Structures are given as structure tokens and as C-alpha cells.
Amino acid sequence: MNDQPSKLPEQQQAMLKRLARVEGQIRGIQAMIRRGEDCEAIAQQFSAARSALDKSYRLMLTCLLEEALTDGSQATGEALERVRTIFTKYT
């Protein structure tokens, strides 16, 4: 697949940027551990990375809801059941 970022929908671009920031935070945590930095400082960065990843996940779930509610090929009940299943399985 040869999708370039400029061809991706805006929502996908935003998600990829957000995940790239989380990836940078994780690399930063790895560097802190290698340098032997203070555990509290590392814990703070873990918390920040976890929060950023959780926010990304919530945005993805919002996208799922939007898709389910605007998908004319499914009945409302079926769409809601799909969303419920995904929320229950992955949250």
C-alpha cells in the first residue's frame, strides 16, 4: 500500500501523529532507564505516555462510533451491538 500521509483522511493523519508522539515518549523512557535516571522521573514519563496512548484509543473509539452510526448498511441495533462488543472486548 503506497498511501502517503497527505492522502490519508485528516482523522487518520491526526491519529498517526499522536501515535508518533507516544512512540517518542516510549523511546525517551527507554533512554532514561539506560541512563539510570530517578525512578520517580521515569514513572512520571510512563504516566504521560500511558495517558497519551489512552487518549489515542478513546479517539479511535469515537471514530468507531461515528462509523457505526453513519453506516447505512447496518440496522441501528446491529451497529450498537458491534460497538458494544468492541467496547467490552478491548476496554
PDB file of N, CA and C in Angstrom:
ATOM      1  N   MET A   1       0.848  -1.171   0.000  1.00  0.00           N
ATOM      2  CA  MET A   1       0.000   0.000   0.000  1.00  0.00           C
ATOM      3  C   MET A   1       0.894   1.235   0.000  1.00  0.00           C
ATOM      4  N   ASN A   2       0.638   2.161  -0.871  1.00  0.00           N
ATOM      5  CA  ASN A   2       1.505   3.314  -1.034  1.00  0.00           C
ATOM      6  C   ASN A   2       0.803   4.602  -0.627  1.00  0.00           C
ATOM      7  N   ASP A   3       0.072   4.558   0.498  1.00  0.00           N
ATOM      8  CA  ASP A   3      -0.592   5.771   0.985  1.00  0.00           C
ATOM      9  C   ASP A   3       0.439   6.708   1.583  1.00  0.00           C
ATOM     10  N   GLN A   4       0.449   7.921   1.093  1.00  0.00           N
ATOM     11  CA  GLN A   4       1.299   8.933   1.685  1.00  0.00           C
ATOM     12  C   GLN A   4       0.449   9.721   2.664  1.00  0.00           C
ATOM     13  N   PRO A   5       1.058  10.259   3.725  1.00  0.00           N
ATOM     14  CA  PRO A   5       0.280  10.956   4.744  1.00  0.00           C
ATOM     15  C   PRO A   5      -0.676  12.006   4.198  1.00  0.00           C
ATOM     16  N   SER A   6      -0.291  12.710   3.149  1.00  0.00           N
ATOM     17  CA  SER A   6      -1.159  13.768   2.628  1.00  0.00           C
ATOM     18  C   SER A   6      -2.426  13.197   2.007  1.00  0.00           C
ATOM     19  N   LYS A   7      -2.428  11.925   1.626  1.00  0.00           N
ATOM     20  CA  LYS A   7      -3.592  11.305   1.012  1.00  0.00           C
ATOM     21  C   LYS A   7      -4.513  10.657   2.052  1.00  0.00           C
ATOM     22  N   LEU A   8      -4.055  10.530   3.273  1.00  0.00           N
ATOM     23  CA  LEU A   8      -4.873   9.935   4.310  1.00  0.00           C
ATOM     24  C   LEU A   8      -5.901  10.938   4.805  1.00  0.00           C
ATOM     25  N   PRO A   9      -7.077  10.447   5.180  1.00  0.00           N
ATOM     26  CA  PRO A   9      -8.053  11.363   5.774  1.00  0.00           C
ATOM     27  C   PRO A   9      -7.462  12.058   6.996  1.00  0.00           C
ATOM     28  N   GLU A  10      -7.985  13.240   7.271  1.00  0.00           N
ATOM     29  CA  GLU A  10      -7.466  14.076   8.359  1.00  0.00           C
ATOM     30  C   GLU A  10      -7.447  13.342   9.698  1.00  0.00           C
ATOM     31  N   GLN A  11      -8.480  12.566   9.971  1.00  0.00           N
ATOM     32  CA  GLN A  11      -8.571  11.846  11.241  1.00  0.00           C
ATOM     33  C   GLN A  11      -7.438  10.816  11.357  1.00  0.00           C
ATOM     34  N   GLN A  12      -7.127  10.137  10.258  1.00  0.00           N
ATOM     35  CA  GLN A  12      -6.038   9.155  10.277  1.00  0.00           C
ATOM     36  C   GLN A  12      -4.693   9.851  10.462  1.00  0.00           C
ATOM     37  N   GLN A  13      -4.506  10.964   9.793  1.00  0.00           N
ATOM     38  CA  GLN A  13      -3.259  11.717   9.953  1.00  0.00           C
ATOM     39  C   GLN A  13      -3.066  12.130  11.402  1.00  0.00           C
ATOM     40  N   ALA A  14      -4.130  12.621  12.020  1.00  0.00           N
ATOM     41  CA  ALA A  14      -4.058  13.044  13.415  1.00  0.00           C
ATOM     42  C   ALA A  14      -3.707  11.867  14.321  1.00  0.00           C
ATOM     43  N   MET A  15      -4.299  10.710  14.069  1.00  0.00           N
ATOM     44  CA  MET A  15      -4.016   9.519  14.879  1.00  0.00           C
ATOM     45  C   MET A  15      -2.557   9.098  14.712  1.00  0.00           C
ATOM     46  N   LEU A  16      -2.059   9.112  13.492  1.00  0.00           N
ATOM     47  CA  LEU A  16      -0.663   8.725  13.258  1.00  0.00           C
ATOM     48  C   LEU A  16       0.306   9.693  13.941  1.00  0.00           C
ATOM     49  N   LYS A  17       0.001  10.980  13.902  1.00  0.00           N
ATOM     50  CA  LYS A  17       0.840  11.965  14.593  1.00  0.00           C
ATOM     51  C   LYS A  17       0.841  11.720  16.092  1.00  0.00           C
ATOM     52  N   ARG A  18      -0.333  11.443  16.623  1.00  0.00           N
ATOM     53  CA  ARG A  18      -0.478  11.187  18.052  1.00  0.00           C
ATOM     54  C   ARG A  18       0.335   9.948  18.454  1.00  0.00           C
ATOM     55  N   LEU A  19       0.237   8.896  17.651  1.00  0.00           N
ATOM     56  CA  LEU A  19       0.982   7.669  17.948  1.00  0.00           C
ATOM     57  C   LEU A  19       2.490   7.871  17.803  1.00  0.00           C
ATOM     58  N   ALA A  20       2.892   8.705  16.867  1.00  0.00           N
ATOM     59  CA  ALA A  20       4.322   9.008  16.724  1.00  0.00           C
ATOM     60  C   ALA A  20       4.843   9.715  17.971  1.00  0.00           C
ATOM     61  N   ARG A  21       4.024  10.595  18.546  1.00  0.00           N
ATOM     62  CA  ARG A  21       4.430  11.262  19.791  1.00  0.00           C
ATOM     63  C   ARG A  21       4.549  10.253  20.930  1.00  0.00           C
ATOM     64  N   VAL A  22       3.606   9.318  21.002  1.00  0.00           N
ATOM     65  CA  VAL A  22       3.672   8.280  22.039  1.00  0.00           C
ATOM     66  C   VAL A  22       4.930   7.440  21.839  1.00  0.00           C
ATOM     67  N   GLU A  23       5.224   7.111  20.596  1.00  0.00           N
ATOM     68  CA  GLU A  23       6.434   6.342  20.290  1.00  0.00           C
ATOM     69  C   GLU A  23       7.680   7.098  20.767  1.00  0.00           C
ATOM     70  N   GLY A  24       7.706   8.407  20.542  1.00  0.00           N
ATOM     71  CA  GLY A  24       8.826   9.212  21.016  1.00  0.00           C
ATOM     72  C   GLY A  24       8.927   9.209  22.533  1.00  0.00           C
ATOM     73  N   GLN A  25       7.780   9.257  23.196  1.00  0.00           N
ATOM     74  CA  GLN A  25       7.791   9.204  24.658  1.00  0.00           C
ATOM     75  C   GLN A  25       8.357   7.869  25.144  1.00  0.00           C
ATOM     76  N   ILE A  26       7.977   6.790  24.509  1.00  0.00           N
ATOM     77  CA  ILE A  26       8.470   5.461  24.899  1.00  0.00           C
ATOM     78  C   ILE A  26       9.982   5.375  24.686  1.00  0.00           C
ATOM     79  N   ARG A  27      10.449   5.900  23.566  1.00  0.00           N
ATOM     80  CA  ARG A  27      11.896   5.908  23.329  1.00  0.00           C
ATOM     81  C   ARG A  27      12.612   6.744  24.395  1.00  0.00           C
ATOM     82  N   GLY A  28      11.982   7.842  24.786  1.00  0.00           N
ATOM     83  CA  GLY A  28      12.545   8.678  25.844  1.00  0.00           C
ATOM     84  C   GLY A  28      12.628   7.930  27.165  1.00  0.00           C
ATOM     85  N   ILE A  29      11.595   7.160  27.477  1.00  0.00           N
ATOM     86  CA  ILE A  29      11.607   6.356  28.702  1.00  0.00           C
ATOM     87  C   ILE A  29      12.730   5.330  28.649  1.00  0.00           C
ATOM     88  N   GLN A  30      12.900   4.694  27.511  1.00  0.00           N
ATOM     89  CA  GLN A  30      13.990   3.724  27.357  1.00  0.00           C
ATOM     90  C   GLN A  30      15.343   4.381  27.602  1.00  0.00           C
ATOM     91  N   ALA A  31      15.506   5.591  27.061  1.00  0.00           N
ATOM     92  CA  ALA A  31      16.773   6.310  27.248  1.00  0.00           C
ATOM     93  C   ALA A  31      16.975   6.668  28.721  1.00  0.00           C
ATOM     94  N   MET A  32      15.909   7.063  29.385  1.00  0.00           N
ATOM     95  CA  MET A  32      16.008   7.398  30.810  1.00  0.00           C
ATOM     96  C   MET A  32      16.440   6.181  31.625  1.00  0.00           C
ATOM     97  N   ILE A  33      15.886   5.040  31.297  1.00  0.00           N
ATOM     98  CA  ILE A  33      16.253   3.805  32.008  1.00  0.00           C
ATOM     99  C   ILE A  33      17.714   3.471  31.758  1.00  0.00           C
ATOM    100  N   ARG A  34      18.140   3.578  30.494  1.00  0.00           N
ATOM    101  CA  ARG A  34      19.554   3.293  30.165  1.00  0.00           C
ATOM    102  C   ARG A  34      20.502   4.216  30.919  1.00  0.00           C
ATOM    103  N   ARG A  35      20.098   5.479  31.104  1.00  0.00           N
ATOM    104  CA  ARG A  35      20.937   6.442  31.813  1.00  0.00           C
ATOM    105  C   ARG A  35      20.860   6.279  33.327  1.00  0.00           C
ATOM    106  N   GLY A  36      19.942   5.441  33.777  1.00  0.00           N
ATOM    107  CA  GLY A  36      19.807   5.215  35.210  1.00  0.00           C
ATOM    108  C   GLY A  36      19.158   6.373  35.936  1.00  0.00           C
ATOM    109  N   GLU A  37      18.260   7.062  35.273  1.00  0.00           N
ATOM    110  CA  GLU A  37      17.604   8.216  35.897  1.00  0.00           C
ATOM    111  C   GLU A  37      16.697   7.782  37.041  1.00  0.00           C
ATOM    112  N   ASP A  38      16.325   8.766  37.823  1.00  0.00           N
ATOM    113  CA  ASP A  38      15.487   8.579  39.001  1.00  0.00           C
ATOM    114  C   ASP A  38      14.179   7.855  38.644  1.00  0.00           C
ATOM    115  N   CYS A  39      13.804   6.881  39.471  1.00  0.00           N
ATOM    116  CA  CYS A  39      12.594   6.090  39.233  1.00  0.00           C
ATOM    117  C   CYS A  39      11.331   6.946  39.192  1.00  0.00           C
ATOM    118  N   GLU A  40      11.278   7.966  40.033  1.00  0.00           N
ATOM    119  CA  GLU A  40      10.078   8.815  40.034  1.00  0.00           C
ATOM    120  C   GLU A  40       9.941   9.574  38.715  1.00  0.00           C
ATOM    121  N   ALA A  41      11.052  10.048  38.178  1.00  0.00           N
ATOM    122  CA  ALA A  41      11.016  10.753  36.898  1.00  0.00           C
ATOM    123  C   ALA A  41      10.576   9.802  35.781  1.00  0.00           C
ATOM    124  N   ILE A  42      11.060   8.571  35.838  1.00  0.00           N
ATOM    125  CA  ILE A  42      10.666   7.571  34.839  1.00  0.00           C
ATOM    126  C   ILE A  42       9.179   7.256  34.979  1.00  0.00           C
ATOM    127  N   ALA A  43       8.716   7.107  36.222  1.00  0.00           N
ATOM    128  CA  ALA A  43       7.298   6.817  36.462  1.00  0.00           C
ATOM    129  C   ALA A  43       6.421   7.936  35.910  1.00  0.00           C
ATOM    130  N   GLN A  44       6.873   9.174  36.078  1.00  0.00           N
ATOM    131  CA  GLN A  44       6.120  10.316  35.561  1.00  0.00           C
ATOM    132  C   GLN A  44       5.990  10.233  34.043  1.00  0.00           C
ATOM    133  N   GLN A  45       7.067   9.850  33.373  1.00  0.00           N
ATOM    134  CA  GLN A  45       7.031   9.734  31.922  1.00  0.00           C
ATOM    135  C   GLN A  45       6.170   8.548  31.474  1.00  0.00           C
ATOM    136  N   PHE A  46       6.204   7.455  32.226  1.00  0.00           N
ATOM    137  CA  PHE A  46       5.312   6.328  31.948  1.00  0.00           C
ATOM    138  C   PHE A  46       3.859   6.794  32.003  1.00  0.00           C
ATOM    139  N   SER A  47       3.535   7.551  33.038  1.00  0.00           N
ATOM    140  CA  SER A  47       2.179   8.043  33.210  1.00  0.00           C
ATOM    141  C   SER A  47       1.763   8.926  32.037  1.00  0.00           C
ATOM    142  N   ALA A  48       2.654   9.794  31.611  1.00  0.00           N
ATOM    143  CA  ALA A  48       2.355  10.685  30.484  1.00  0.00           C
ATOM    144  C   ALA A  48       2.144   9.876  29.199  1.00  0.00           C
ATOM    145  N   ALA A  49       2.988   8.882  28.964  1.00  0.00           N
ATOM    146  CA  ALA A  49       2.863   8.059  27.760  1.00  0.00           C
ATOM    147  C   ALA A  49       1.573   7.240  27.800  1.00  0.00           C
ATOM    148  N   ARG A  50       1.267   6.702  28.958  1.00  0.00           N
ATOM    149  CA  ARG A  50       0.038   5.911  29.114  1.00  0.00           C
ATOM    150  C   ARG A  50      -1.189   6.789  28.872  1.00  0.00           C
ATOM    151  N   SER A  51      -1.178   7.999  29.401  1.00  0.00           N
ATOM    152  CA  SER A  51      -2.295   8.923  29.194  1.00  0.00           C
ATOM    153  C   SER A  51      -2.457   9.278  27.718  1.00  0.00           C
ATOM    154  N   ALA A  52      -1.350   9.511  27.047  1.00  0.00           N
ATOM    155  CA  ALA A  52      -1.393   9.845  25.626  1.00  0.00           C
ATOM    156  C   ALA A  52      -1.935   8.673  24.813  1.00  0.00           C
ATOM    157  N   LEU A  53      -1.519   7.471  25.151  1.00  0.00           N
ATOM    158  CA  LEU A  53      -1.999   6.289  24.440  1.00  0.00           C
ATOM    159  C   LEU A  53      -3.484   6.065  24.728  1.00  0.00           C
ATOM    160  N   ASP A  54      -3.898   6.257  25.968  1.00  0.00           N
ATOM    161  CA  ASP A  54      -5.317   6.126  26.315  1.00  0.00           C
ATOM    162  C   ASP A  54      -6.164   7.136  25.548  1.00  0.00           C
ATOM    163  N   LYS A  55      -5.678   8.360  25.419  1.00  0.00           N
ATOM    164  CA  LYS A  55      -6.419   9.377  24.677  1.00  0.00           C
ATOM    165  C   LYS A  55      -6.525   8.988  23.203  1.00  0.00           C
ATOM    166  N   SER A  56      -5.462   8.456  22.653  1.00  0.00           N
ATOM    167  CA  SER A  56      -5.491   7.991  21.260  1.00  0.00           C
ATOM    168  C   SER A  56      -6.531   6.900  21.085  1.00  0.00           C
ATOM    169  N   TYR A  57      -6.575   5.997  22.051  1.00  0.00           N
ATOM    170  CA  TYR A  57      -7.535   4.895  21.998  1.00  0.00           C
ATOM    171  C   TYR A  57      -8.969   5.425  22.067  1.00  0.00           C
ATOM    172  N   ARG A  58      -9.214   6.389  22.940  1.00  0.00           N
ATOM    173  CA  ARG A  58     -10.555   6.967  23.039  1.00  0.00           C
ATOM    174  C   ARG A  58     -10.962   7.660  21.742  1.00  0.00           C
ATOM    175  N   LEU A  59     -10.020   8.309  21.095  1.00  0.00           N
ATOM    176  CA  LEU A  59     -10.318   8.937  19.808  1.00  0.00           C
ATOM    177  C   LEU A  59     -10.660   7.891  18.755  1.00  0.00           C
ATOM    178  N   MET A  60      -9.956   6.765  18.784  1.00  0.00           N
ATOM    179  CA  MET A  60     -10.249   5.684  17.849  1.00  0.00           C
ATOM    180  C   MET A  60     -11.642   5.129  18.116  1.00  0.00           C
ATOM    181  N   LEU A  61     -12.013   4.990  19.392  1.00  0.00           N
ATOM    182  CA  LEU A  61     -13.353   4.510  19.722  1.00  0.00           C
ATOM    183  C   LEU A  61     -14.421   5.496  19.251  1.00  0.00           C
ATOM    184  N   THR A  62     -14.127   6.783  19.327  1.00  0.00           N
ATOM    185  CA  THR A  62     -15.045   7.788  18.816  1.00  0.00           C
ATOM    186  C   THR A  62     -15.246   7.604  17.317  1.00  0.00           C
ATOM    187  N   CYS A  63     -14.163   7.332  16.628  1.00  0.00           N
ATOM    188  CA  CYS A  63     -14.225   7.075  15.186  1.00  0.00           C
ATOM    189  C   CYS A  63     -15.103   5.851  14.918  1.00  0.00           C
ATOM    190  N   LEU A  64     -14.936   4.819  15.722  1.00  0.00           N
ATOM    191  CA  LEU A  64     -15.745   3.612  15.582  1.00  0.00           C
ATOM    192  C   LEU A  64     -17.232   3.939  15.745  1.00  0.00           C
ATOM    193  N   LEU A  65     -17.546   4.734  16.753  1.00  0.00           N
ATOM    194  CA  LEU A  65     -18.943   5.130  16.966  1.00  0.00           C
ATOM    195  C   LEU A  65     -19.497   5.892  15.764  1.00  0.00           C
ATOM    196  N   GLU A  66     -18.691   6.822  15.264  1.00  0.00           N
ATOM    197  CA  GLU A  66     -19.136   7.607  14.105  1.00  0.00           C
ATOM    198  C   GLU A  66     -19.392   6.701  12.910  1.00  0.00           C
ATOM    199  N   GLU A  67     -18.490   5.756  12.667  1.00  0.00           N
ATOM    200  CA  GLU A  67     -18.668   4.817  11.558  1.00  0.00           C
ATOM    201  C   GLU A  67     -19.931   3.989  11.738  1.00  0.00           C
ATOM    202  N   ALA A  68     -20.123   3.476  12.944  1.00  0.00           N
ATOM    203  CA  ALA A  68     -21.277   2.624  13.205  1.00  0.00           C
ATOM    204  C   ALA A  68     -22.584   3.393  13.026  1.00  0.00           C
ATOM    205  N   LEU A  69     -22.605   4.645  13.466  1.00  0.00           N
ATOM    206  CA  LEU A  69     -23.838   5.414  13.399  1.00  0.00           C
ATOM    207  C   LEU A  69     -24.141   5.947  12.007  1.00  0.00           C
ATOM    208  N   THR A  70     -23.120   6.079  11.172  1.00  0.00           N
ATOM    209  CA  THR A  70     -23.344   6.598   9.824  1.00  0.00           C
ATOM    210  C   THR A  70     -23.354   5.510   8.765  1.00  0.00           C
ATOM    211  N   ASP A  71     -23.120   4.267   9.161  1.00  0.00           N
ATOM    212  CA  ASP A  71     -23.104   3.139   8.226  1.00  0.00           C
ATOM    213  C   ASP A  71     -24.541   2.737   7.905  1.00  0.00           C
ATOM    214  N   GLY A  72     -24.986   3.091   6.739  1.00  0.00           N
ATOM    215  CA  GLY A  72     -26.361   2.794   6.346  1.00  0.00           C
ATOM    216  C   GLY A  72     -26.612   1.331   6.044  1.00  0.00           C
ATOM    217  N   SER A  73     -25.561   0.517   5.946  1.00  0.00           N
ATOM    218  CA  SER A  73     -25.756  -0.893   5.609  1.00  0.00           C
ATOM    219  C   SER A  73     -26.158  -1.731   6.815  1.00  0.00           C
ATOM    220  N   GLN A  74     -26.051  -1.167   8.025  1.00  0.00           N
ATOM    221  CA  GLN A  74     -26.420  -1.903   9.228  1.00  0.00           C
ATOM    222  C   GLN A  74     -27.617  -1.246   9.896  1.00  0.00           C
ATOM    223  N   ALA A  75     -28.459  -2.090  10.475  1.00  0.00           N
ATOM    224  CA  ALA A  75     -29.551  -1.563  11.290  1.00  0.00           C
ATOM    225  C   ALA A  75     -28.951  -0.952  12.546  1.00  0.00           C
ATOM    226  N   THR A  76     -29.636  -0.015  13.148  1.00  0.00           N
ATOM    227  CA  THR A  76     -29.123   0.670  14.343  1.00  0.00           C
ATOM    228  C   THR A  76     -28.777  -0.317  15.439  1.00  0.00           C
ATOM    229  N   GLY A  77     -29.637  -1.290  15.668  1.00  0.00           N
ATOM    230  CA  GLY A  77     -29.377  -2.295  16.703  1.00  0.00           C
ATOM    231  C   GLY A  77     -28.114  -3.084  16.430  1.00  0.00           C
ATOM    232  N   GLU A  78     -27.899  -3.460  15.179  1.00  0.00           N
ATOM    233  CA  GLU A  78     -26.682  -4.198  14.805  1.00  0.00           C
ATOM    234  C   GLU A  78     -25.443  -3.336  15.004  1.00  0.00           C
ATOM    235  N   ALA A  79     -25.528  -2.077  14.622  1.00  0.00           N
ATOM    236  CA  ALA A  79     -24.393  -1.161  14.779  1.00  0.00           C
ATOM    237  C   ALA A  79     -24.052  -0.978  16.252  1.00  0.00           C
ATOM    238  N   LEU A  80     -25.078  -0.795  17.077  1.00  0.00           N
ATOM    239  CA  LEU A  80     -24.840  -0.630  18.511  1.00  0.00           C
ATOM    240  C   LEU A  80     -24.264  -1.900  19.134  1.00  0.00           C
ATOM    241  N   GLU A  81     -24.727  -3.056  18.682  1.00  0.00           N
ATOM    242  CA  GLU A  81     -24.183  -4.315  19.202  1.00  0.00           C
ATOM    243  C   GLU A  81     -22.703  -4.458  18.825  1.00  0.00           C
ATOM    244  N   ARG A  82     -22.357  -4.051  17.612  1.00  0.00           N
ATOM    245  CA  ARG A  82     -20.953  -4.092  17.177  1.00  0.00           C
ATOM    246  C   ARG A  82     -20.099  -3.208  18.078  1.00  0.00           C
ATOM    247  N   VAL A  83     -20.571  -1.994  18.330  1.00  0.00           N
ATOM    248  CA  VAL A  83     -19.841  -1.059  19.191  1.00  0.00           C
ATOM    249  C   VAL A  83     -19.737  -1.631  20.604  1.00  0.00           C
ATOM    250  N   ARG A  84     -20.820  -2.151  21.126  1.00  0.00           N
ATOM    251  CA  ARG A  84     -20.828  -2.734  22.468  1.00  0.00           C
ATOM    252  C   ARG A  84     -19.810  -3.870  22.585  1.00  0.00           C
ATOM    253  N   THR A  85     -19.772  -4.715  21.576  1.00  0.00           N
ATOM    254  CA  THR A  85     -18.831  -5.845  21.566  1.00  0.00           C
ATOM    255  C   THR A  85     -17.393  -5.354  21.591  1.00  0.00           C
ATOM    256  N   ILE A  86     -17.090  -4.358  20.784  1.00  0.00           N
ATOM    257  CA  ILE A  86     -15.729  -3.842  20.741  1.00  0.00           C
ATOM    258  C   ILE A  86     -15.358  -3.146  22.045  1.00  0.00           C
ATOM    259  N   PHE A  87     -16.263  -2.349  22.588  1.00  0.00           N
ATOM    260  CA  PHE A  87     -16.000  -1.686  23.874  1.00  0.00           C
ATOM    261  C   PHE A  87     -15.732  -2.720  24.959  1.00  0.00           C
ATOM    262  N   THR A  88     -16.564  -3.748  25.007  1.00  0.00           N
ATOM    263  CA  THR A  88     -16.434  -4.773  26.051  1.00  0.00           C
ATOM    264  C   THR A  88     -15.147  -5.573  25.885  1.00  0.00           C
ATOM    265  N   LYS A  89     -14.817  -5.884  24.672  1.00  0.00           N
ATOM    266  CA  LYS A  89     -13.646  -6.725  24.399  1.00  0.00           C
ATOM    267  C   LYS A  89     -12.327  -6.007  24.647  1.00  0.00           C
ATOM    268  N   TYR A  90     -12.231  -4.741  24.296  1.00  0.00           N
ATOM    269  CA  TYR A  90     -10.949  -4.050  24.311  1.00  0.00           C
ATOM    270  C   TYR A  90     -10.805  -2.965  25.378  1.00  0.00           C
ATOM    271  N   THR A  91     -11.810  -2.761  26.193  1.00  0.00           N
ATOM    272  CA  THR A  91     -11.704  -1.725  27.202  1.00  0.00           C
ATOM    273  C   THR A  91     -11.567  -2.319  28.580  1.00  0.00           C
TER     274      THR A  91
END
